[in-house]
Amino acid sequence: MVAEALAGKSQLLSLVDEHGRKILVPADRLAYVEIGEPAPRKVGFGAL
């Protein structure tokens, strides 16, 4: 999807966050995209 937006094949880049919210980014304004695995939340009071 990112490659299509950068190549001009799509006018909008559509992303969905971890809460199910949809984010639309105009392809001509696209400057930075970080793609990765979701990080698990840390719970509790561990050693710092």
PDB file of N, CA and C in Angstrom:
ATOM      1  N   MET A   1       0.819  -1.197   0.000  1.00  0.00           N
ATOM      2  CA  MET A   1       0.000   0.000   0.000  1.00  0.00           C
ATOM      3  C   MET A   1       0.862   1.260   0.000  1.00  0.00           C
ATOM      4  N   VAL A   2       1.947   1.218   0.756  1.00  0.00           N
ATOM      5  CA  VAL A   2       2.837   2.385   0.811  1.00  0.00           C
ATOM      6  C   VAL A   2       3.494   2.589  -0.547  1.00  0.00           C
ATOM      7  N   ALA A   3       3.953   1.506  -1.164  1.00  0.00           N
ATOM      8  CA  ALA A   3       4.606   1.604  -2.471  1.00  0.00           C
ATOM      9  C   ALA A   3       3.648   2.144  -3.528  1.00  0.00           C
ATOM     10  N   GLU A   4       2.384   1.715  -3.489  1.00  0.00           N
ATOM     11  CA  GLU A   4       1.395   2.213  -4.445  1.00  0.00           C
ATOM     12  C   GLU A   4       1.158   3.704  -4.256  1.00  0.00           C
ATOM     13  N   ALA A   5       1.093   4.140  -3.007  1.00  0.00           N
ATOM     14  CA  ALA A   5       0.884   5.563  -2.735  1.00  0.00           C
ATOM     15  C   ALA A   5       2.077   6.383  -3.213  1.00  0.00           C
ATOM     16  N   LEU A   6       3.282   5.886  -2.994  1.00  0.00           N
ATOM     17  CA  LEU A   6       4.477   6.613  -3.424  1.00  0.00           C
ATOM     18  C   LEU A   6       4.629   6.624  -4.930  1.00  0.00           C
ATOM     19  N   ALA A   7       4.147   5.570  -5.609  1.00  0.00           N
ATOM     20  CA  ALA A   7       4.245   5.489  -7.064  1.00  0.00           C
ATOM     21  C   ALA A   7       3.157   6.300  -7.758  1.00  0.00           C
ATOM     22  N   GLY A   8       2.216   6.847  -6.990  1.00  0.00           N
ATOM     23  CA  GLY A   8       1.155   7.650  -7.563  1.00  0.00           C
ATOM     24  C   GLY A   8      -0.046   6.846  -8.025  1.00  0.00           C
ATOM     25  N   LYS A   9      -0.087   5.551  -7.700  1.00  0.00           N
ATOM     26  CA  LYS A   9      -1.209   4.705  -8.099  1.00  0.00           C
ATOM     27  C   LYS A   9      -2.434   4.937  -7.232  1.00  0.00           C
ATOM     28  N   SER A  10      -2.230   5.476  -6.045  1.00  0.00           N
ATOM     29  CA  SER A  10      -3.324   5.742  -5.122  1.00  0.00           C
ATOM     30  C   SER A  10      -3.164   7.160  -4.593  1.00  0.00           C
ATOM     31  N   GLN A  11      -4.269   7.876  -4.426  1.00  0.00           N
ATOM     32  CA  GLN A  11      -4.205   9.238  -3.917  1.00  0.00           C
ATOM     33  C   GLN A  11      -4.168   9.298  -2.401  1.00  0.00           C
ATOM     34  N   LEU A  12      -4.637   8.216  -1.748  1.00  0.00           N
ATOM     35  CA  LEU A  12      -4.654   8.169  -0.289  1.00  0.00           C
ATOM     36  C   LEU A  12      -4.009   6.890   0.206  1.00  0.00           C
ATOM     37  N   LEU A  13      -3.282   6.987   1.303  1.00  0.00           N
ATOM     38  CA  LEU A  13      -2.769   5.825   2.007  1.00  0.00           C
ATOM     39  C   LEU A  13      -3.693   5.605   3.200  1.00  0.00           C
ATOM     40  N   SER A  14      -4.296   4.426   3.260  1.00  0.00           N
ATOM     41  CA  SER A  14      -5.249   4.094   4.320  1.00  0.00           C
ATOM     42  C   SER A  14      -4.598   3.124   5.289  1.00  0.00           C
ATOM     43  N   LEU A  15      -4.532   3.511   6.561  1.00  0.00           N
ATOM     44  CA  LEU A  15      -3.936   2.682   7.603  1.00  0.00           C
ATOM     45  C   LEU A  15      -4.952   2.476   8.721  1.00  0.00           C
ATOM     46  N   VAL A  16      -4.811   1.384   9.457  1.00  0.00           N
ATOM     47  CA  VAL A  16      -5.675   1.104  10.603  1.00  0.00           C
ATOM     48  C   VAL A  16      -4.774   0.912  11.814  1.00  0.00           C
ATOM     49  N   ASP A  17      -5.047   1.638  12.904  1.00  0.00           N
ATOM     50  CA  ASP A  17      -4.220   1.509  14.100  1.00  0.00           C
ATOM     51  C   ASP A  17      -4.672   0.325  14.942  1.00  0.00           C
ATOM     52  N   GLU A  18      -3.993   0.101  16.055  1.00  0.00           N
ATOM     53  CA  GLU A  18      -4.259  -1.058  16.911  1.00  0.00           C
ATOM     54  C   GLU A  18      -5.625  -1.023  17.577  1.00  0.00           C
ATOM     55  N   HIS A  19      -6.274   0.131  17.568  1.00  0.00           N
ATOM     56  CA  HIS A  19      -7.602   0.265  18.163  1.00  0.00           C
ATOM     57  C   HIS A  19      -8.706   0.189  17.106  1.00  0.00           C
ATOM     58  N   GLY A  20      -8.318  -0.057  15.854  1.00  0.00           N
ATOM     59  CA  GLY A  20      -9.287  -0.176  14.778  1.00  0.00           C
ATOM     60  C   GLY A  20      -9.665   1.140  14.123  1.00  0.00           C
ATOM     61  N   ARG A  21      -8.998   2.223  14.498  1.00  0.00           N
ATOM     62  CA  ARG A  21      -9.280   3.523  13.883  1.00  0.00           C
ATOM     63  C   ARG A  21      -8.595   3.611  12.526  1.00  0.00           C
ATOM     64  N   LYS A  22      -9.287   4.168  11.554  1.00  0.00           N
ATOM     65  CA  LYS A  22      -8.750   4.307  10.204  1.00  0.00           C
ATOM     66  C   LYS A  22      -8.101   5.675  10.048  1.00  0.00           C
ATOM     67  N   ILE A  23      -6.910   5.697   9.461  1.00  0.00           N
ATOM     68  CA  ILE A  23      -6.161   6.923   9.242  1.00  0.00           C
ATOM     69  C   ILE A  23      -5.925   7.048   7.746  1.00  0.00           C
ATOM     70  N   LEU A  24      -6.296   8.182   7.174  1.00  0.00           N
ATOM     71  CA  LEU A  24      -6.096   8.442   5.752  1.00  0.00           C
ATOM     72  C   LEU A  24      -5.044   9.527   5.597  1.00  0.00           C
ATOM     73  N   VAL A  25      -4.016   9.236   4.794  1.00  0.00           N
ATOM     74  CA  VAL A  25      -2.936  10.189   4.565  1.00  0.00           C
ATOM     75  C   VAL A  25      -2.871  10.487   3.072  1.00  0.00           C
ATOM     76  N   PRO A  26      -2.958  11.750   2.660  1.00  0.00           N
ATOM     77  CA  PRO A  26      -2.811  12.070   1.242  1.00  0.00           C
ATOM     78  C   PRO A  26      -1.427  11.633   0.747  1.00  0.00           C
ATOM     79  N   ALA A  27      -1.379  10.912  -0.350  1.00  0.00           N
ATOM     80  CA  ALA A  27      -0.115  10.361  -0.851  1.00  0.00           C
ATOM     81  C   ALA A  27       0.903  11.449  -1.186  1.00  0.00           C
ATOM     82  N   ASP A  28       0.435  12.606  -1.650  1.00  0.00           N
ATOM     83  CA  ASP A  28       1.376  13.673  -1.987  1.00  0.00           C
ATOM     84  C   ASP A  28       1.961  14.353  -0.750  1.00  0.00           C
ATOM     85  N   ARG A  29       1.433  14.064   0.422  1.00  0.00           N
ATOM     86  CA  ARG A  29       1.946  14.614   1.682  1.00  0.00           C
ATOM     87  C   ARG A  29       2.750  13.585   2.471  1.00  0.00           C
ATOM     88  N   LEU A  30       2.847  12.388   1.942  1.00  0.00           N
ATOM     89  CA  LEU A  30       3.515  11.290   2.630  1.00  0.00           C
ATOM     90  C   LEU A  30       5.016  11.541   2.692  1.00  0.00           C
ATOM     91  N   ALA A  31       5.552  11.586   3.906  1.00  0.00           N
ATOM     92  CA  ALA A  31       6.974  11.845   4.084  1.00  0.00           C
ATOM     93  C   ALA A  31       7.662  10.740   4.869  1.00  0.00           C
ATOM     94  N   TYR A  32       6.937  10.054   5.764  1.00  0.00           N
ATOM     95  CA  TYR A  32       7.586   9.104   6.660  1.00  0.00           C
ATOM     96  C   TYR A  32       6.571   8.049   7.082  1.00  0.00           C
ATOM     97  N   VAL A  33       6.961   6.774   6.971  1.00  0.00           N
ATOM     98  CA  VAL A  33       6.118   5.670   7.422  1.00  0.00           C
ATOM     99  C   VAL A  33       7.001   4.680   8.160  1.00  0.00           C
ATOM    100  N   GLU A  34       6.631   4.335   9.374  1.00  0.00           N
ATOM    101  CA  GLU A  34       7.356   3.325  10.140  1.00  0.00           C
ATOM    102  C   GLU A  34       6.464   2.094  10.230  1.00  0.00           C
ATOM    103  N   ILE A  35       6.971   0.979   9.718  1.00  0.00           N
ATOM    104  CA  ILE A  35       6.211  -0.263   9.713  1.00  0.00           C
ATOM    105  C   ILE A  35       6.938  -1.263  10.584  1.00  0.00           C
ATOM    106  N   GLY A  36       6.221  -1.873  11.521  1.00  0.00           N
ATOM    107  CA  GLY A  36       6.851  -2.841  12.402  1.00  0.00           C
ATOM    108  C   GLY A  36       5.834  -3.663  13.139  1.00  0.00           C
ATOM    109  N   GLU A  37       6.318  -4.572  13.923  1.00  0.00           N
ATOM    110  CA  GLU A  37       5.470  -5.422  14.739  1.00  0.00           C
ATOM    111  C   GLU A  37       4.984  -4.640  15.949  1.00  0.00           C
ATOM    112  N   PRO A  38       3.742  -4.868  16.358  1.00  0.00           N
ATOM    113  CA  PRO A  38       3.274  -4.195  17.570  1.00  0.00           C
ATOM    114  C   PRO A  38       4.062  -4.668  18.789  1.00  0.00           C
ATOM    115  N   ALA A  39       4.443  -3.731  19.636  1.00  0.00           N
ATOM    116  CA  ALA A  39       5.198  -4.069  20.846  1.00  0.00           C
ATOM    117  C   ALA A  39       4.226  -4.453  21.963  1.00  0.00           C
ATOM    118  N   PRO A  40       4.523  -5.534  22.674  1.00  0.00           N
ATOM    119  CA  PRO A  40       3.628  -5.910  23.794  1.00  0.00           C
ATOM    120  C   PRO A  40       3.752  -4.879  24.915  1.00  0.00           C
ATOM    121  N   ARG A  41       2.628  -4.660  25.590  1.00  0.00           N
ATOM    122  CA  ARG A  41       2.649  -3.711  26.711  1.00  0.00           C
ATOM    123  C   ARG A  41       3.293  -4.361  27.922  1.00  0.00           C
ATOM    124  N   LYS A  42       4.100  -3.595  28.611  1.00  0.00           N
ATOM    125  CA  LYS A  42       4.727  -4.085  29.839  1.00  0.00           C
ATOM    126  C   LYS A  42       3.835  -3.695  31.009  1.00  0.00           C
ATOM    127  N   VAL A  43       3.576  -4.632  31.868  1.00  0.00           N
ATOM    128  CA  VAL A  43       2.713  -4.402  33.022  1.00  0.00           C
ATOM    129  C   VAL A  43       3.491  -4.716  34.293  1.00  0.00           C
ATOM    130  N   GLY A  44       3.320  -3.899  35.297  1.00  0.00           N
ATOM    131  CA  GLY A  44       3.971  -4.163  36.568  1.00  0.00           C
ATOM    132  C   GLY A  44       5.131  -3.237  36.826  1.00  0.00           C
ATOM    133  N   PHE A  45       5.795  -3.513  37.920  1.00  0.00           N
ATOM    134  CA  PHE A  45       6.925  -2.697  38.337  1.00  0.00           C
ATOM    135  C   PHE A  45       8.172  -3.561  38.318  1.00  0.00           C
ATOM    136  N   GLY A  46       8.857  -3.568  37.195  1.00  0.00           N
ATOM    137  CA  GLY A  46      10.086  -4.344  37.069  1.00  0.00           C
ATOM    138  C   GLY A  46      11.289  -3.497  37.421  1.00  0.00           C
ATOM    139  N   ALA A  47      12.436  -4.120  37.391  1.00  0.00           N
ATOM    140  CA  ALA A  47      13.672  -3.402  37.657  1.00  0.00           C
ATOM    141  C   ALA A  47      13.936  -2.431  36.516  1.00  0.00           C
ATOM    142  N   LEU A  48      14.322  -1.216  36.862  1.00  0.00           N
ATOM    143  CA  LEU A  48      14.596  -0.207  35.850  1.00  0.00           C
ATOM    144  C   LEU A  48      16.018  -0.224  35.437  1.00  0.00           C
TER     145      LEU A  48
END
